[in-house]
C-alpha atoms as a PDB file:
ATOM      1  CA  UNK A   1      10.919 -25.895 -77.251  1.00  0.00           C
ATOM      2  CA  UNK A   2      14.097 -24.913 -77.614  1.00  0.00           C
ATOM      3  CA  UNK A   3      14.649 -20.671 -78.194  1.00  0.00           C
ATOM      4  CA  UNK A   4      13.118 -21.510 -74.426  1.00  0.00           C
ATOM      5  CA  UNK A   5      16.795 -21.979 -72.644  1.00  0.00           C
ATOM      6  CA  UNK A   6      18.615 -19.282 -74.656  1.00  0.00           C
ATOM      7  CA  UNK A   7      20.749 -17.445 -71.724  1.00  0.00           C
ATOM      8  CA  UNK A   8      19.523 -20.274 -68.968  1.00  0.00           C
ATOM      9  CA  UNK A   9      22.143 -21.861 -67.098  1.00  0.00           C
ATOM     10  CA  UNK A  10      21.296 -25.579 -66.651  1.00  0.00           C
ATOM     11  CA  UNK A  11      22.526 -28.278 -63.633  1.00  0.00           C
ATOM     12  CA  UNK A  12      22.947 -31.766 -65.132  1.00  0.00           C
ATOM     13  CA  UNK A  13      24.514 -34.438 -62.486  1.00  0.00           C
ATOM     14  CA  UNK A  14      25.841 -37.645 -63.661  1.00  0.00           C
ATOM     15  CA  UNK A  15      26.351 -36.466 -66.691  1.00  0.00           C
ATOM     16  CA  UNK A  16      29.495 -38.600 -67.527  1.00  0.00           C
ATOM     17  CA  UNK A  17      27.074 -40.860 -69.651  1.00  0.00           C
ATOM     18  CA  UNK A  18      23.523 -42.123 -70.383  1.00  0.00           C
ATOM     19  CA  UNK A  19      20.806 -40.367 -69.553  1.00  0.00           C
ATOM     20  CA  UNK A  20      22.534 -37.332 -67.705  1.00  0.00           C
ATOM     21  CA  UNK A  21      25.061 -37.046 -70.494  1.00  0.00           C
ATOM     22  CA  UNK A  22      22.506 -36.832 -73.598  1.00  0.00           C
ATOM     23  CA  UNK A  23      19.920 -34.360 -71.528  1.00  0.00           C
ATOM     24  CA  UNK A  24      23.410 -32.146 -71.414  1.00  0.00           C
ATOM     25  CA  UNK A  25      23.999 -32.345 -74.862  1.00  0.00           C
ATOM     26  CA  UNK A  26      20.403 -31.666 -75.913  1.00  0.00           C
ATOM     27  CA  UNK A  27      19.986 -28.990 -73.063  1.00  0.00           C
ATOM     28  CA  UNK A  28      23.345 -27.376 -75.272  1.00  0.00           C
ATOM     29  CA  UNK A  29      21.873 -27.487 -78.200  1.00  0.00           C
ATOM     30  CA  UNK A  30      18.629 -25.783 -77.629  1.00  0.00           C
ATOM     31  CA  UNK A  31      21.023 -22.742 -76.529  1.00  0.00           C
ATOM     32  CA  UNK A  32      21.774 -23.267 -72.468  1.00  0.00           C
ATOM     33  CA  UNK A  33      25.192 -22.678 -70.454  1.00  0.00           C
ATOM     34  CA  UNK A  34      25.156 -25.993 -69.495  1.00  0.00           C
ATOM     35  CA  UNK A  35      27.383 -27.867 -66.149  1.00  0.00           C
ATOM     36  CA  UNK A  36      27.837 -31.602 -65.994  1.00  0.00           C
ATOM     37  CA  UNK A  37      28.284 -32.532 -63.249  1.00  0.00           C
ATOM     38  CA  UNK A  38      29.992 -36.102 -62.055  1.00  0.00           C
ATOM     39  CA  UNK A  39      32.009 -37.937 -59.694  1.00  0.00           C
ATOM     40  CA  UNK A  40      33.835 -38.703 -63.315  1.00  0.00           C
ATOM     41  CA  UNK A  41      36.298 -36.842 -65.417  1.00  0.00           C
ATOM     42  CA  UNK A  42      34.127 -35.246 -68.273  1.00  0.00           C
ATOM     43  CA  UNK A  43      36.696 -32.414 -69.674  1.00  0.00           C
ATOM     44  CA  UNK A  44      36.543 -34.937 -73.372  1.00  0.00           C
ATOM     45  CA  UNK A  45      33.389 -34.397 -73.361  1.00  0.00           C
ATOM     46  CA  UNK A  46      32.638 -30.594 -72.551  1.00  0.00           C
ATOM     47  CA  UNK A  47      35.178 -29.988 -75.036  1.00  0.00           C
ATOM     48  CA  UNK A  48      33.565 -31.864 -77.724  1.00  0.00           C
ATOM     49  CA  UNK A  49      30.499 -29.434 -77.063  1.00  0.00           C
ATOM     50  CA  UNK A  50      32.456 -26.295 -77.084  1.00  0.00           C
ATOM     51  CA  UNK A  51      34.346 -27.403 -79.982  1.00  0.00           C
ATOM     52  CA  UNK A  52      30.952 -27.760 -81.684  1.00  0.00           C
ATOM     53  CA  UNK A  53      29.790 -24.003 -80.421  1.00  0.00           C
ATOM     54  CA  UNK A  54      27.851 -24.792 -77.225  1.00  0.00           C
ATOM     55  CA  UNK A  55      28.248 -23.340 -74.023  1.00  0.00           C
ATOM     56  CA  UNK A  56      29.465 -25.969 -71.260  1.00  0.00           C
ATOM     57  CA  UNK A  57      31.344 -26.332 -68.178  1.00  0.00           C
ATOM     58  CA  UNK A  58      32.349 -29.887 -65.954  1.00  0.00           C
ATOM     59  CA  UNK A  59      32.596 -29.589 -62.601  1.00  0.00           C
ATOM     60  CA  UNK A  60      33.358 -32.980 -60.397  1.00  0.00           C
ATOM     61  CA  UNK A  61      31.051 -33.694 -57.973  1.00  0.00           C
ATOM     62  CA  UNK A  62      29.859 -36.155 -55.966  1.00  0.00           C
ATOM     63  CA  UNK A  63      26.749 -35.397 -54.935  1.00  0.00           C
ATOM     64  CA  UNK A  64      26.500 -37.521 -51.243  1.00  0.00           C
ATOM     65  CA  UNK A  65      29.328 -34.971 -49.843  1.00  0.00           C
ATOM     66  CA  UNK A  66      26.805 -31.811 -48.876  1.00  0.00           C
ATOM     67  CA  UNK A  67      29.858 -29.733 -48.846  1.00  0.00           C
ATOM     68  CA  UNK A  68      30.406 -30.519 -51.946  1.00  0.00           C
ATOM     69  CA  UNK A  69      27.227 -29.729 -53.243  1.00  0.00           C
ATOM     70  CA  UNK A  70      27.207 -26.594 -51.566  1.00  0.00           C
ATOM     71  CA  UNK A  71      30.473 -25.730 -53.361  1.00  0.00           C
ATOM     72  CA  UNK A  72      29.247 -26.889 -56.674  1.00  0.00           C
ATOM     73  CA  UNK A  73      26.200 -24.205 -56.651  1.00  0.00           C
ATOM     74  CA  UNK A  74      28.554 -21.312 -55.380  1.00  0.00           C
ATOM     75  CA  UNK A  75      30.945 -22.289 -58.375  1.00  0.00           C
ATOM     76  CA  UNK A  76      27.774 -22.409 -61.003  1.00  0.00           C
ATOM     77  CA  UNK A  77      26.321 -18.605 -59.216  1.00  0.00           C
ATOM     78  CA  UNK A  78      29.999 -17.105 -59.248  1.00  0.00           C
ATOM     79  CA  UNK A  79      30.490 -17.647 -62.390  1.00  0.00           C
ATOM     80  CA  UNK A  80      27.242 -17.485 -64.310  1.00  0.00           C
ATOM     81  CA  UNK A  81      25.287 -15.298 -62.453  1.00  0.00           C
ATOM     82  CA  UNK A  82      22.359 -17.952 -61.725  1.00  0.00           C
ATOM     83  CA  UNK A  83      20.965 -21.070 -61.606  1.00  0.00           C
ATOM     84  CA  UNK A  84      18.032 -21.603 -63.797  1.00  0.00           C
ATOM     85  CA  UNK A  85      17.001 -25.468 -64.192  1.00  0.00           C
ATOM     86  CA  UNK A  86      19.056 -28.214 -62.641  1.00  0.00           C
ATOM     87  CA  UNK A  87      18.450 -32.457 -63.111  1.00  0.00           C
ATOM     88  CA  UNK A  88      19.279 -34.481 -60.338  1.00  0.00           C
ATOM     89  CA  UNK A  89      20.079 -37.075 -62.267  1.00  0.00           C
ATOM     90  CA  UNK A  90      22.943 -39.109 -60.586  1.00  0.00           C
ATOM     91  CA  UNK A  91      22.931 -42.609 -59.420  1.00  0.00           C
ATOM     92  CA  UNK A  92      24.128 -45.473 -58.514  1.00  0.00           C
ATOM     93  CA  UNK A  93      22.564 -49.233 -58.315  1.00  0.00           C
ATOM     94  CA  UNK A  94      22.887 -52.467 -55.232  1.00  0.00           C
ATOM     95  CA  UNK A  95      24.127 -55.272 -56.242  1.00  0.00           C
ATOM     96  CA  UNK A  96      21.029 -57.379 -56.977  1.00  0.00           C
ATOM     97  CA  UNK A  97      20.671 -59.265 -53.912  1.00  0.00           C
ATOM     98  CA  UNK A  98      17.680 -60.770 -52.239  1.00  0.00           C
ATOM     99  CA  UNK A  99      16.622 -57.443 -49.456  1.00  0.00           C
ATOM    100  CA  UNK A 100      18.275 -59.084 -46.652  1.00  0.00           C
ATOM    101  CA  UNK A 101      21.378 -59.812 -48.113  1.00  0.00           C
ATOM    102  CA  UNK A 102      22.265 -56.557 -48.820  1.00  0.00           C
ATOM    103  CA  UNK A 103      25.564 -55.120 -46.549  1.00  0.00           C
ATOM    104  CA  UNK A 104      25.034 -51.888 -44.644  1.00  0.00           C
ATOM    105  CA  UNK A 105      27.497 -50.963 -46.602  1.00  0.00           C
ATOM    106  CA  UNK A 106      25.379 -51.439 -49.887  1.00  0.00           C
ATOM    107  CA  UNK A 107      22.728 -49.908 -48.722  1.00  0.00           C
ATOM    108  CA  UNK A 108      24.528 -46.746 -47.227  1.00  0.00           C
ATOM    109  CA  UNK A 109      25.831 -45.979 -50.447  1.00  0.00           C
ATOM    110  CA  UNK A 110      22.710 -46.322 -52.444  1.00  0.00           C
ATOM    111  CA  UNK A 111      20.841 -44.124 -50.222  1.00  0.00           C
ATOM    112  CA  UNK A 112      24.330 -41.292 -49.976  1.00  0.00           C
ATOM    113  CA  UNK A 113      24.005 -40.875 -53.334  1.00  0.00           C
ATOM    114  CA  UNK A 114      20.287 -42.064 -54.612  1.00  0.00           C
ATOM    115  CA  UNK A 115      18.045 -40.366 -51.614  1.00  0.00           C
ATOM    116  CA  UNK A 116      20.903 -38.347 -50.143  1.00  0.00           C
ATOM    117  CA  UNK A 117      22.007 -36.849 -53.114  1.00  0.00           C
ATOM    118  CA  UNK A 118      18.827 -35.659 -53.882  1.00  0.00           C
ATOM    119  CA  UNK A 119      18.270 -34.450 -51.027  1.00  0.00           C
ATOM    120  CA  UNK A 120      21.510 -32.252 -50.970  1.00  0.00           C
ATOM    121  CA  UNK A 121      21.606 -30.938 -54.733  1.00  0.00           C
ATOM    122  CA  UNK A 122      17.788 -29.875 -54.019  1.00  0.00           C
ATOM    123  CA  UNK A 123      18.779 -28.097 -50.415  1.00  0.00           C
ATOM    124  CA  UNK A 124      20.836 -25.797 -52.311  1.00  0.00           C
ATOM    125  CA  UNK A 125      19.805 -25.343 -55.955  1.00  0.00           C
ATOM    126  CA  UNK A 126      15.762 -24.199 -53.951  1.00  0.00           C
ATOM    127  CA  UNK A 127      18.336 -21.697 -51.805  1.00  0.00           C
ATOM    128  CA  UNK A 128      19.770 -20.113 -54.467  1.00  0.00           C
ATOM    129  CA  UNK A 129      16.499 -20.108 -57.169  1.00  0.00           C
ATOM    130  CA  UNK A 130      14.497 -18.361 -54.121  1.00  0.00           C
ATOM    131  CA  UNK A 131      17.126 -15.419 -53.983  1.00  0.00           C
ATOM    132  CA  UNK A 132      16.730 -14.685 -57.603  1.00  0.00           C
ATOM    133  CA  UNK A 133      13.734 -12.881 -59.564  1.00  0.00           C
ATOM    134  CA  UNK A 134      12.938 -15.414 -61.952  1.00  0.00           C
ATOM    135  CA  UNK A 135      13.430 -18.605 -59.596  1.00  0.00           C
ATOM    136  CA  UNK A 136      14.047 -21.702 -61.589  1.00  0.00           C
ATOM    137  CA  UNK A 137      12.950 -25.836 -62.579  1.00  0.00           C
ATOM    138  CA  UNK A 138      14.084 -28.885 -60.566  1.00  0.00           C
ATOM    139  CA  UNK A 139      13.381 -32.618 -62.167  1.00  0.00           C
ATOM    140  CA  UNK A 140      14.564 -35.469 -59.842  1.00  0.00           C
ATOM    141  CA  UNK A 141      15.588 -39.151 -61.736  1.00  0.00           C
ATOM    142  CA  UNK A 142      13.009 -41.432 -59.898  1.00  0.00           C
ATOM    143  CA  UNK A 143      12.241 -44.991 -62.004  1.00  0.00           C
ATOM    144  CA  UNK A 144       9.860 -47.289 -62.724  1.00  0.00           C
ATOM    145  CA  UNK A 145      10.613 -48.336 -60.232  1.00  0.00           C
ATOM    146  CA  UNK A 146       9.619 -46.140 -57.581  1.00  0.00           C
ATOM    147  CA  UNK A 147       5.919 -47.299 -58.741  1.00  0.00           C
ATOM    148  CA  UNK A 148       6.676 -50.662 -58.674  1.00  0.00           C
ATOM    149  CA  UNK A 149       9.359 -53.434 -57.013  1.00  0.00           C
ATOM    150  CA  UNK A 150      11.912 -55.290 -58.121  1.00  0.00           C
ATOM    151  CA  UNK A 151      13.440 -58.136 -57.012  1.00  0.00           C
ATOM    152  CA  UNK A 152      16.794 -58.063 -55.595  1.00  0.00           C
ATOM    153  CA  UNK A 153      17.024 -54.010 -55.237  1.00  0.00           C
ATOM    154  CA  UNK A 154      15.058 -53.133 -52.146  1.00  0.00           C
ATOM    155  CA  UNK A 155      18.064 -50.726 -51.302  1.00  0.00           C
ATOM    156  CA  UNK A 156      17.903 -49.167 -55.329  1.00  0.00           C
ATOM    157  CA  UNK A 157      13.887 -49.164 -55.627  1.00  0.00           C
ATOM    158  CA  UNK A 158      13.216 -48.039 -51.630  1.00  0.00           C
ATOM    159  CA  UNK A 159      15.064 -45.015 -52.809  1.00  0.00           C
ATOM    160  CA  UNK A 160      13.538 -44.319 -56.162  1.00  0.00           C
ATOM    161  CA  UNK A 161      10.181 -44.235 -53.982  1.00  0.00           C
ATOM    162  CA  UNK A 162      11.484 -41.801 -51.721  1.00  0.00           C
ATOM    163  CA  UNK A 163      12.671 -39.773 -54.395  1.00  0.00           C
ATOM    164  CA  UNK A 164       8.914 -39.156 -55.341  1.00  0.00           C
ATOM    165  CA  UNK A 165       7.609 -38.364 -52.120  1.00  0.00           C
ATOM    166  CA  UNK A 166      10.517 -36.025 -51.893  1.00  0.00           C
ATOM    167  CA  UNK A 167       9.615 -34.517 -54.772  1.00  0.00           C
ATOM    168  CA  UNK A 168       5.717 -33.259 -54.213  1.00  0.00           C
ATOM    169  CA  UNK A 169       6.249 -32.758 -50.531  1.00  0.00           C
ATOM    170  CA  UNK A 170       9.130 -29.888 -52.135  1.00  0.00           C
ATOM    171  CA  UNK A 171       7.204 -29.097 -54.879  1.00  0.00           C
ATOM    172  CA  UNK A 172       3.973 -27.860 -52.375  1.00  0.00           C
ATOM    173  CA  UNK A 173       6.923 -25.668 -50.297  1.00  0.00           C
ATOM    174  CA  UNK A 174       7.401 -24.188 -53.357  1.00  0.00           C
ATOM    175  CA  UNK A 175       5.429 -23.931 -55.890  1.00  0.00           C
ATOM    176  CA  UNK A 176       3.488 -20.634 -54.513  1.00  0.00           C
ATOM    177  CA  UNK A 177       7.253 -19.244 -54.808  1.00  0.00           C
ATOM    178  CA  UNK A 178       7.565 -19.826 -58.494  1.00  0.00           C
ATOM    179  CA  UNK A 179      10.021 -22.637 -58.092  1.00  0.00           C
ATOM    180  CA  UNK A 180       8.500 -25.910 -60.761  1.00  0.00           C
ATOM    181  CA  UNK A 181       9.558 -29.624 -59.209  1.00  0.00           C
ATOM    182  CA  UNK A 182       8.863 -32.606 -60.721  1.00  0.00           C
ATOM    183  CA  UNK A 183      10.473 -35.997 -61.722  1.00  0.00           C
ATOM    184  CA  UNK A 184      11.074 -38.173 -64.174  1.00  0.00           C
ATOM    185  CA  UNK A 185      10.598 -41.651 -64.194  1.00  0.00           C
ATOM    186  CA  UNK A 186      13.002 -43.884 -66.533  1.00  0.00           C
ATOM    187  CA  UNK A 187      12.241 -47.139 -67.853  1.00  0.00           C
ATOM    188  CA  UNK A 188      14.454 -49.278 -69.314  1.00  0.00           C
ATOM    189  CA  UNK A 189      17.226 -47.347 -70.817  1.00  0.00           C
ATOM    190  CA  UNK A 190      19.926 -48.346 -73.530  1.00  0.00           C
ATOM    191  CA  UNK A 191      22.363 -46.728 -71.002  1.00  0.00           C
ATOM    192  CA  UNK A 192      25.592 -48.272 -72.039  1.00  0.00           C
ATOM    193  CA  UNK A 193      25.164 -50.075 -68.895  1.00  0.00           C
ATOM    194  CA  UNK A 194      22.128 -51.628 -70.373  1.00  0.00           C
ATOM    195  CA  UNK A 195      23.993 -52.440 -72.993  1.00  0.00           C
ATOM    196  CA  UNK A 196      27.122 -54.051 -71.885  1.00  0.00           C
ATOM    197  CA  UNK A 197      24.364 -56.189 -70.098  1.00  0.00           C
ATOM    198  CA  UNK A 198      22.433 -57.363 -73.260  1.00  0.00           C
ATOM    199  CA  UNK A 199      25.528 -57.802 -74.582  1.00  0.00           C
ATOM    200  CA  UNK A 200      26.631 -60.650 -72.151  1.00  0.00           C
ATOM    201  CA  UNK A 201      23.272 -61.844 -71.343  1.00  0.00           C
ATOM    202  CA  UNK A 202      21.918 -61.564 -75.785  1.00  0.00           C
ATOM    203  CA  UNK A 203      18.146 -63.530 -74.024  1.00  0.00           C
ATOM    204  CA  UNK A 204      17.860 -60.700 -71.190  1.00  0.00           C
ATOM    205  CA  UNK A 205      16.286 -57.857 -74.266  1.00  0.00           C
ATOM    206  CA  UNK A 206      13.769 -60.447 -75.091  1.00  0.00           C
ATOM    207  CA  UNK A 207      12.135 -60.359 -71.469  1.00  0.00           C
ATOM    208  CA  UNK A 208      12.865 -57.068 -71.169  1.00  0.00           C
ATOM    209  CA  UNK A 209      10.623 -56.308 -74.635  1.00  0.00           C
ATOM    210  CA  UNK A 210       8.396 -59.154 -73.387  1.00  0.00           C
ATOM    211  CA  UNK A 211       6.880 -56.056 -70.243  1.00  0.00           C
ATOM    212  CA  UNK A 212       7.155 -53.029 -72.380  1.00  0.00           C
ATOM    213  CA  UNK A 213       3.650 -52.327 -74.746  1.00  0.00           C
ATOM    214  CA  UNK A 214       5.768 -49.941 -76.562  1.00  0.00           C
ATOM    215  CA  UNK A 215       7.546 -52.781 -78.448  1.00  0.00           C
ATOM    216  CA  UNK A 216      10.945 -50.961 -77.946  1.00  0.00           C
ATOM    217  CA  UNK A 217      13.472 -50.048 -75.315  1.00  0.00           C
ATOM    218  CA  UNK A 218      14.108 -46.654 -74.234  1.00  0.00           C
ATOM    219  CA  UNK A 219      16.990 -44.327 -75.018  1.00  0.00           C
ATOM    220  CA  UNK A 220      18.731 -41.768 -73.164  1.00  0.00           C
ATOM    221  CA  UNK A 221      17.217 -39.117 -75.521  1.00  0.00           C
ATOM    222  CA  UNK A 222      13.357 -40.039 -74.755  1.00  0.00           C
ATOM    223  CA  UNK A 223      14.357 -38.909 -71.235  1.00  0.00           C
ATOM    224  CA  UNK A 224      16.193 -36.112 -72.255  1.00  0.00           C
ATOM    225  CA  UNK A 225      13.218 -35.027 -73.781  1.00  0.00           C
ATOM    226  CA  UNK A 226      10.758 -35.160 -71.375  1.00  0.00           C
ATOM    227  CA  UNK A 227      13.179 -33.554 -68.739  1.00  0.00           C
ATOM    228  CA  UNK A 228      13.349 -30.549 -70.962  1.00  0.00           C
ATOM    229  CA  UNK A 229      10.030 -30.150 -71.279  1.00  0.00           C
ATOM    230  CA  UNK A 230       9.444 -30.482 -67.421  1.00  0.00           C
ATOM    231  CA  UNK A 231      11.605 -27.339 -67.825  1.00  0.00           C
ATOM    232  CA  UNK A 232      10.309 -25.620 -70.018  1.00  0.00           C
ATOM    233  CA  UNK A 233       7.239 -23.069 -70.080  1.00  0.00           C
ATOM    234  CA  UNK A 234       5.229 -25.460 -71.999  1.00  0.00           C
ATOM    235  CA  UNK A 235       4.617 -27.041 -68.303  1.00  0.00           C
ATOM    236  CA  UNK A 236       4.212 -24.161 -66.432  1.00  0.00           C
ATOM    237  CA  UNK A 237       1.413 -26.108 -64.762  1.00  0.00           C
ATOM    238  CA  UNK A 238       3.007 -29.333 -64.468  1.00  0.00           C
ATOM    239  CA  UNK A 239       4.046 -29.624 -60.208  1.00  0.00           C
ATOM    240  CA  UNK A 240       4.866 -31.987 -58.343  1.00  0.00           C
ATOM    241  CA  UNK A 241       4.540 -34.846 -60.746  1.00  0.00           C
ATOM    242  CA  UNK A 242       5.998 -38.073 -61.549  1.00  0.00           C
ATOM    243  CA  UNK A 243       5.736 -38.259 -65.499  1.00  0.00           C
ATOM    244  CA  UNK A 244       6.387 -41.902 -66.421  1.00  0.00           C
ATOM    245  CA  UNK A 245       8.848 -42.454 -69.816  1.00  0.00           C
ATOM    246  CA  UNK A 246       9.213 -46.172 -69.709  1.00  0.00           C
ATOM    247  CA  UNK A 247       7.224 -47.401 -73.028  1.00  0.00           C
ATOM    248  CA  UNK A 248       4.037 -47.722 -70.850  1.00  0.00           C
ATOM    249  CA  UNK A 249       5.419 -50.494 -68.605  1.00  0.00           C
ATOM    250  CA  UNK A 250       4.211 -49.105 -65.381  1.00  0.00           C
ATOM    251  CA  UNK A 251       0.715 -49.445 -66.547  1.00  0.00           C
ATOM    252  CA  UNK A 252       0.626 -52.687 -68.335  1.00  0.00           C
END
């Protein structure tokens, strides 16, 4: 599968750490030119990739800001001439509290990044891909929470459900035009945030494992490999799908 990405240009949002960083690194190792996007500075991570002989570029962008997203896509095309794959992964979580206790400020911030951010990115990615002979692939990050509920996370879970609906509908709009659009639904993944949570609450790992038939927590690379498959020719007839990568949690 690695040869599939030679000469491809790939955008990964939320690439400063965790799932986004692992996915960007794997695409780079597979021969792609990777644009790592985040609101955080990523120069050190991009320099590590470049020093290892890979092709990478960083671009600071707040995906909730339409103008910043438009400028990012324009910069990618001005620099490389095309955009072949996009992984819309940037996201935030709402502070955990019952639905009626979530403030409007917290709700608006969650929706702005987790849903509007995906919308913004898709709008300009699709506009660019329609201009290209080889079109492209888009993968959006939803969550296992996109097909379930979770107490204390009403705004976040609502956005992740919405991302699945957006993915399905956009796929119907553009499948016949050659743009493949799918979503990944990560389960409990050992990102820096999750590791910190486990460190502060040693008993929580047992609780999490109890509901995962695979018997382990996920690693960022588990999601990266699913995303790469969805962006490869090996999934050419997969369109509008929501692929759960959660060790069996959502079917347990």
